[in-house]
Amino acid sequence: MAGLAAARARGRMGGLPTVWTPAKPEVARSMYDAGDHDVATIARVVGVFRVSAYRALTRVSDPR
């Protein structure tokens, strides 16, 4: 824990970088709203896992 705290103090954050660019949620939402694609297809096109696509779609519609 001390090592993680020291890394944070130096401005380093752990974990993987996000694959969501600012445009990807809007693309996913427009595809979903068109009604021609299911979430699995949207996830494949956008390049994320299906669960991430569901999470992003709920975030775009309900920005909490």
PDB file of N, CA and C in Angstrom:
ATOM      1  N   MET A   1       0.828  -1.190   0.000  1.00  0.00           N
ATOM      2  CA  MET A   1       0.000   0.000   0.000  1.00  0.00           C
ATOM      3  C   MET A   1       0.871   1.252   0.000  1.00  0.00           C
ATOM      4  N   ALA A   2       1.979   1.198   0.708  1.00  0.00           N
ATOM      5  CA  ALA A   2       2.874   2.358   0.753  1.00  0.00           C
ATOM      6  C   ALA A   2       3.458   2.637  -0.627  1.00  0.00           C
ATOM      7  N   GLY A   3       3.765   1.591  -1.358  1.00  0.00           N
ATOM      8  CA  GLY A   3       4.294   1.760  -2.711  1.00  0.00           C
ATOM      9  C   GLY A   3       3.276   2.389  -3.645  1.00  0.00           C
ATOM     10  N   LEU A   4       2.019   1.957  -3.530  1.00  0.00           N
ATOM     11  CA  LEU A   4       0.958   2.548  -4.350  1.00  0.00           C
ATOM     12  C   LEU A   4       0.752   4.016  -4.005  1.00  0.00           C
ATOM     13  N   ALA A   5       0.787   4.322  -2.718  1.00  0.00           N
ATOM     14  CA  ALA A   5       0.624   5.716  -2.294  1.00  0.00           C
ATOM     15  C   ALA A   5       1.780   6.568  -2.806  1.00  0.00           C
ATOM     16  N   ALA A   6       2.991   6.037  -2.768  1.00  0.00           N
ATOM     17  CA  ALA A   6       4.145   6.776  -3.272  1.00  0.00           C
ATOM     18  C   ALA A   6       4.045   6.997  -4.781  1.00  0.00           C
ATOM     19  N   ALA A   7       3.566   5.995  -5.501  1.00  0.00           N
ATOM     20  CA  ALA A   7       3.399   6.140  -6.948  1.00  0.00           C
ATOM     21  C   ALA A   7       2.343   7.192  -7.264  1.00  0.00           C
ATOM     22  N   ARG A   8       1.247   7.182  -6.526  1.00  0.00           N
ATOM     23  CA  ARG A   8       0.208   8.203  -6.733  1.00  0.00           C
ATOM     24  C   ARG A   8       0.744   9.602  -6.445  1.00  0.00           C
ATOM     25  N   ALA A   9       1.579   9.721  -5.437  1.00  0.00           N
ATOM     26  CA  ALA A   9       2.168  11.015  -5.095  1.00  0.00           C
ATOM     27  C   ALA A   9       3.059  11.515  -6.232  1.00  0.00           C
ATOM     28  N   ARG A  10       3.640  10.584  -6.993  1.00  0.00           N
ATOM     29  CA  ARG A  10       4.461  10.970  -8.138  1.00  0.00           C
ATOM     30  C   ARG A  10       3.627  11.170  -9.396  1.00  0.00           C
ATOM     31  N   GLY A  11       2.311  11.002  -9.291  1.00  0.00           N
ATOM     32  CA  GLY A  11       1.437  11.212 -10.440  1.00  0.00           C
ATOM     33  C   GLY A  11       1.194   9.982 -11.287  1.00  0.00           C
ATOM     34  N   ARG A  12       1.556   8.821 -10.800  1.00  0.00           N
ATOM     35  CA  ARG A  12       1.356   7.582 -11.543  1.00  0.00           C
ATOM     36  C   ARG A  12       0.052   6.930 -11.104  1.00  0.00           C
ATOM     37  N   MET A  13      -0.715   6.451 -12.057  1.00  0.00           N
ATOM     38  CA  MET A  13      -1.947   5.739 -11.749  1.00  0.00           C
ATOM     39  C   MET A  13      -1.831   4.322 -12.293  1.00  0.00           C
ATOM     40  N   GLY A  14      -2.341   3.356 -11.552  1.00  0.00           N
ATOM     41  CA  GLY A  14      -2.281   1.972 -11.978  1.00  0.00           C
ATOM     42  C   GLY A  14      -3.436   1.623 -12.893  1.00  0.00           C
ATOM     43  N   GLY A  15      -3.402   0.434 -13.393  1.00  0.00           N
ATOM     44  CA  GLY A  15      -4.493  -0.065 -14.224  1.00  0.00           C
ATOM     45  C   GLY A  15      -4.220   0.114 -15.708  1.00  0.00           C
ATOM     46  N   LEU A  16      -5.132  -0.396 -16.499  1.00  0.00           N
ATOM     47  CA  LEU A  16      -5.009  -0.302 -17.947  1.00  0.00           C
ATOM     48  C   LEU A  16      -5.552   1.036 -18.440  1.00  0.00           C
ATOM     49  N   PRO A  17      -4.995   1.563 -19.523  1.00  0.00           N
ATOM     50  CA  PRO A  17      -5.551   2.787 -20.091  1.00  0.00           C
ATOM     51  C   PRO A  17      -6.907   2.504 -20.727  1.00  0.00           C
ATOM     52  N   THR A  18      -7.756   3.489 -20.770  1.00  0.00           N
ATOM     53  CA  THR A  18      -9.094   3.315 -21.329  1.00  0.00           C
ATOM     54  C   THR A  18      -9.050   3.252 -22.849  1.00  0.00           C
ATOM     55  N   VAL A  19      -9.951   2.479 -23.428  1.00  0.00           N
ATOM     56  CA  VAL A  19     -10.050   2.410 -24.887  1.00  0.00           C
ATOM     57  C   VAL A  19     -11.157   3.332 -25.390  1.00  0.00           C
ATOM     58  N   TRP A  20     -11.896   3.936 -24.479  1.00  0.00           N
ATOM     59  CA  TRP A  20     -12.996   4.814 -24.850  1.00  0.00           C
ATOM     60  C   TRP A  20     -12.473   6.202 -25.192  1.00  0.00           C
ATOM     61  N   THR A  21     -12.529   6.548 -26.455  1.00  0.00           N
ATOM     62  CA  THR A  21     -12.221   7.911 -26.869  1.00  0.00           C
ATOM     63  C   THR A  21     -13.490   8.733 -26.683  1.00  0.00           C
ATOM     64  N   PRO A  22     -13.405  10.052 -26.712  1.00  0.00           N
ATOM     65  CA  PRO A  22     -14.622  10.851 -26.538  1.00  0.00           C
ATOM     66  C   PRO A  22     -15.696  10.587 -27.593  1.00  0.00           C
ATOM     67  N   ALA A  23     -15.321  10.141 -28.779  1.00  0.00           N
ATOM     68  CA  ALA A  23     -16.299   9.930 -29.850  1.00  0.00           C
ATOM     69  C   ALA A  23     -16.990   8.566 -29.773  1.00  0.00           C
ATOM     70  N   LYS A  24     -16.350   7.574 -29.170  1.00  0.00           N
ATOM     71  CA  LYS A  24     -16.901   6.218 -29.181  1.00  0.00           C
ATOM     72  C   LYS A  24     -18.272   6.097 -28.508  1.00  0.00           C
ATOM     73  N   PRO A  25     -18.535   6.737 -27.352  1.00  0.00           N
ATOM     74  CA  PRO A  25     -19.876   6.615 -26.778  1.00  0.00           C
ATOM     75  C   PRO A  25     -20.965   7.205 -27.670  1.00  0.00           C
ATOM     76  N   GLU A  26     -20.655   8.292 -28.371  1.00  0.00           N
ATOM     77  CA  GLU A  26     -21.648   8.882 -29.269  1.00  0.00           C
ATOM     78  C   GLU A  26     -21.927   7.968 -30.459  1.00  0.00           C
ATOM     79  N   VAL A  27     -20.885   7.331 -30.978  1.00  0.00           N
ATOM     80  CA  VAL A  27     -21.061   6.380 -32.082  1.00  0.00           C
ATOM     81  C   VAL A  27     -21.907   5.202 -31.611  1.00  0.00           C
ATOM     82  N   ALA A  28     -21.592   4.686 -30.431  1.00  0.00           N
ATOM     83  CA  ALA A  28     -22.352   3.563 -29.891  1.00  0.00           C
ATOM     84  C   ALA A  28     -23.813   3.947 -29.686  1.00  0.00           C
ATOM     85  N   ARG A  29     -24.059   5.131 -29.146  1.00  0.00           N
ATOM     86  CA  ARG A  29     -25.433   5.584 -28.908  1.00  0.00           C
ATOM     87  C   ARG A  29     -26.178   5.762 -30.223  1.00  0.00           C
ATOM     88  N   SER A  30     -25.538   6.333 -31.240  1.00  0.00           N
ATOM     89  CA  SER A  30     -26.231   6.531 -32.521  1.00  0.00           C
ATOM     90  C   SER A  30     -26.551   5.194 -33.179  1.00  0.00           C
ATOM     91  N   MET A  31     -25.634   4.230 -33.075  1.00  0.00           N
ATOM     92  CA  MET A  31     -25.910   2.902 -33.624  1.00  0.00           C
ATOM     93  C   MET A  31     -27.061   2.237 -32.873  1.00  0.00           C
ATOM     94  N   TYR A  32     -27.077   2.385 -31.557  1.00  0.00           N
ATOM     95  CA  TYR A  32     -28.123   1.765 -30.752  1.00  0.00           C
ATOM     96  C   TYR A  32     -29.477   2.415 -31.012  1.00  0.00           C
ATOM     97  N   ASP A  33     -29.493   3.740 -31.111  1.00  0.00           N
ATOM     98  CA  ASP A  33     -30.747   4.453 -31.350  1.00  0.00           C
ATOM     99  C   ASP A  33     -31.311   4.183 -32.744  1.00  0.00           C
ATOM    100  N   ALA A  34     -30.443   3.875 -33.698  1.00  0.00           N
ATOM    101  CA  ALA A  34     -30.917   3.561 -35.047  1.00  0.00           C
ATOM    102  C   ALA A  34     -31.740   2.276 -35.043  1.00  0.00           C
ATOM    103  N   GLY A  35     -31.464   1.376 -34.108  1.00  0.00           N
ATOM    104  CA  GLY A  35     -32.239   0.147 -33.991  1.00  0.00           C
ATOM    105  C   GLY A  35     -31.827  -0.952 -34.950  1.00  0.00           C
ATOM    106  N   ASP A  36     -30.774  -0.718 -35.730  1.00  0.00           N
ATOM    107  CA  ASP A  36     -30.336  -1.719 -36.702  1.00  0.00           C
ATOM    108  C   ASP A  36     -29.296  -2.681 -36.136  1.00  0.00           C
ATOM    109  N   HIS A  37     -28.729  -2.347 -34.969  1.00  0.00           N
ATOM    110  CA  HIS A  37     -27.634  -3.138 -34.421  1.00  0.00           C
ATOM    111  C   HIS A  37     -27.935  -3.530 -32.986  1.00  0.00           C
ATOM    112  N   ASP A  38     -27.501  -4.740 -32.616  1.00  0.00           N
ATOM    113  CA  ASP A  38     -27.604  -5.140 -31.218  1.00  0.00           C
ATOM    114  C   ASP A  38     -26.321  -4.728 -30.496  1.00  0.00           C
ATOM    115  N   VAL A  39     -26.314  -4.853 -29.185  1.00  0.00           N
ATOM    116  CA  VAL A  39     -25.193  -4.366 -28.386  1.00  0.00           C
ATOM    117  C   VAL A  39     -23.917  -5.157 -28.680  1.00  0.00           C
ATOM    118  N   ALA A  40     -24.033  -6.433 -28.961  1.00  0.00           N
ATOM    119  CA  ALA A  40     -22.850  -7.231 -29.274  1.00  0.00           C
ATOM    120  C   ALA A  40     -22.174  -6.722 -30.550  1.00  0.00           C
ATOM    121  N   THR A  41     -22.954  -6.379 -31.550  1.00  0.00           N
ATOM    122  CA  THR A  41     -22.405  -5.844 -32.788  1.00  0.00           C
ATOM    123  C   THR A  41     -21.777  -4.474 -32.560  1.00  0.00           C
ATOM    124  N   ILE A  42     -22.446  -3.645 -31.780  1.00  0.00           N
ATOM    125  CA  ILE A  42     -21.922  -2.319 -31.468  1.00  0.00           C
ATOM    126  C   ILE A  42     -20.582  -2.444 -30.754  1.00  0.00           C
ATOM    127  N   ALA A  43     -20.499  -3.352 -29.794  1.00  0.00           N
ATOM    128  CA  ALA A  43     -19.254  -3.561 -29.051  1.00  0.00           C
ATOM    129  C   ALA A  43     -18.138  -4.012 -29.977  1.00  0.00           C
ATOM    130  N   ARG A  44     -18.454  -4.892 -30.907  1.00  0.00           N
ATOM    131  CA  ARG A  44     -17.449  -5.382 -31.846  1.00  0.00           C
ATOM    132  C   ARG A  44     -16.955  -4.251 -32.747  1.00  0.00           C
ATOM    133  N   VAL A  45     -17.861  -3.413 -33.236  1.00  0.00           N
ATOM    134  CA  VAL A  45     -17.494  -2.300 -34.119  1.00  0.00           C
ATOM    135  C   VAL A  45     -16.664  -1.262 -33.371  1.00  0.00           C
ATOM    136  N   VAL A  46     -17.078  -0.933 -32.157  1.00  0.00           N
ATOM    137  CA  VAL A  46     -16.393   0.095 -31.380  1.00  0.00           C
ATOM    138  C   VAL A  46     -15.072  -0.433 -30.827  1.00  0.00           C
ATOM    139  N   GLY A  47     -14.975  -1.738 -30.614  1.00  0.00           N
ATOM    140  CA  GLY A  47     -13.729  -2.336 -30.140  1.00  0.00           C
ATOM    141  C   GLY A  47     -13.644  -2.476 -28.633  1.00  0.00           C
ATOM    142  N   VAL A  48     -14.783  -2.776 -28.002  1.00  0.00           N
ATOM    143  CA  VAL A  48     -14.819  -2.958 -26.551  1.00  0.00           C
ATOM    144  C   VAL A  48     -15.583  -4.238 -26.237  1.00  0.00           C
ATOM    145  N   PHE A  49     -15.561  -4.638 -24.976  1.00  0.00           N
ATOM    146  CA  PHE A  49     -16.365  -5.780 -24.554  1.00  0.00           C
ATOM    147  C   PHE A  49     -17.837  -5.390 -24.493  1.00  0.00           C
ATOM    148  N   ARG A  50     -18.704  -6.395 -24.616  1.00  0.00           N
ATOM    149  CA  ARG A  50     -20.145  -6.145 -24.615  1.00  0.00           C
ATOM    150  C   ARG A  50     -20.602  -5.467 -23.331  1.00  0.00           C
ATOM    151  N   VAL A  51     -20.072  -5.890 -22.198  1.00  0.00           N
ATOM    152  CA  VAL A  51     -20.460  -5.309 -20.913  1.00  0.00           C
ATOM    153  C   VAL A  51     -20.062  -3.830 -20.859  1.00  0.00           C
ATOM    154  N   SER A  52     -18.912  -3.481 -21.433  1.00  0.00           N
ATOM    155  CA  SER A  52     -18.484  -2.085 -21.476  1.00  0.00           C
ATOM    156  C   SER A  52     -19.414  -1.257 -22.352  1.00  0.00           C
ATOM    157  N   ALA A  53     -19.899  -1.855 -23.430  1.00  0.00           N
ATOM    158  CA  ALA A  53     -20.834  -1.145 -24.299  1.00  0.00           C
ATOM    159  C   ALA A  53     -22.144  -0.876 -23.563  1.00  0.00           C
ATOM    160  N   TYR A  54     -22.649  -1.871 -22.837  1.00  0.00           N
ATOM    161  CA  TYR A  54     -23.855  -1.657 -22.043  1.00  0.00           C
ATOM    162  C   TYR A  54     -23.641  -0.538 -21.033  1.00  0.00           C
ATOM    163  N   ARG A  55     -22.513  -0.553 -20.358  1.00  0.00           N
ATOM    164  CA  ARG A  55     -22.211   0.459 -19.342  1.00  0.00           C
ATOM    165  C   ARG A  55     -22.148   1.850 -19.973  1.00  0.00           C
ATOM    166  N   ALA A  56     -21.510   1.947 -21.130  1.00  0.00           N
ATOM    167  CA  ALA A  56     -21.386   3.242 -21.806  1.00  0.00           C
ATOM    168  C   ALA A  56     -22.741   3.730 -22.308  1.00  0.00           C
ATOM    169  N   LEU A  57     -23.572   2.809 -22.785  1.00  0.00           N
ATOM    170  CA  LEU A  57     -24.888   3.224 -23.280  1.00  0.00           C
ATOM    171  C   LEU A  57     -25.760   3.751 -22.149  1.00  0.00           C
ATOM    172  N   THR A  58     -25.658   3.161 -20.973  1.00  0.00           N
ATOM    173  CA  THR A  58     -26.444   3.682 -19.863  1.00  0.00           C
ATOM    174  C   THR A  58     -25.869   4.988 -19.364  1.00  0.00           C
ATOM    175  N   ARG A  59     -24.544   5.163 -19.452  1.00  0.00           N
ATOM    176  CA  ARG A  59     -23.915   6.407 -19.033  1.00  0.00           C
ATOM    177  C   ARG A  59     -24.282   7.569 -19.949  1.00  0.00           C
ATOM    178  N   VAL A  60     -24.359   7.325 -21.255  1.00  0.00           N
ATOM    179  CA  VAL A  60     -24.700   8.379 -22.201  1.00  0.00           C
ATOM    180  C   VAL A  60     -26.146   8.799 -22.021  1.00  0.00           C
ATOM    181  N   SER A  61     -27.020   7.832 -21.759  1.00  0.00           N
ATOM    182  CA  SER A  61     -28.434   8.170 -21.597  1.00  0.00           C
ATOM    183  C   SER A  61     -28.731   8.765 -20.227  1.00  0.00           C
ATOM    184  N   ASP A  62     -27.958   8.369 -19.207  1.00  0.00           N
ATOM    185  CA  ASP A  62     -28.162   8.851 -17.851  1.00  0.00           C
ATOM    186  C   ASP A  62     -26.803   9.298 -17.289  1.00  0.00           C
ATOM    187  N   PRO A  63     -26.376  10.538 -17.556  1.00  0.00           N
ATOM    188  CA  PRO A  63     -25.015  10.964 -17.242  1.00  0.00           C
ATOM    189  C   PRO A  63     -24.713  11.188 -15.769  1.00  0.00           C
ATOM    190  N   ARG A  64     -24.997  10.229 -14.911  1.00  0.00           N
ATOM    191  CA  ARG A  64     -24.673  10.366 -13.481  1.00  0.00           C
ATOM    192  C   ARG A  64     -23.297   9.912 -13.169  1.00  0.00           C
TER     193      ARG A  64
END
